[in-house]
Amino acid sequence: ANGASTAYVAQKLGLETACTPTGVKHLHPKAEEFDVGIYFEANGHGTAVFSDAALTSIDAALASTPPGSDAAAALCELRALTAAINPAVGDALSGILVVEAVLRSKGWGMEEW
């Protein structure tokens, strides 16, 4: 939604970013070009989308990981995250639930966030 957040994601986190004209009709198709595409607009619309290839990779890694291991637990959480996020544009309820799950997983409250 602003240049500072885009710069932070690109420069500090080292993640690829893409810019489009304003509007979900432009953002959503661009997000679908990535294995994991995430976008949010200043007006609250946004979501995360996962490619079939990304989901297949997660499932394959989970199938080849020893049950009960830390890696298996992390992969289960990641797979659950992909199911919890509703790729429907602007679904704020699923977004809030995912934020709550991430905060709980990290042991964070509102102050730490």
Foldseek 3Di string as FASTA:
>chain_A
DDDVVVCCCCPVVVDDDDDDPDDPVTQLVVQQVDQWRWDADPVQKIFIAHHPVNLVVLVVVLVPDDPPDPVNVVSVVVNVLNVLTDSPIRPVVSVVVSVVVVCVVVVHDPVVD
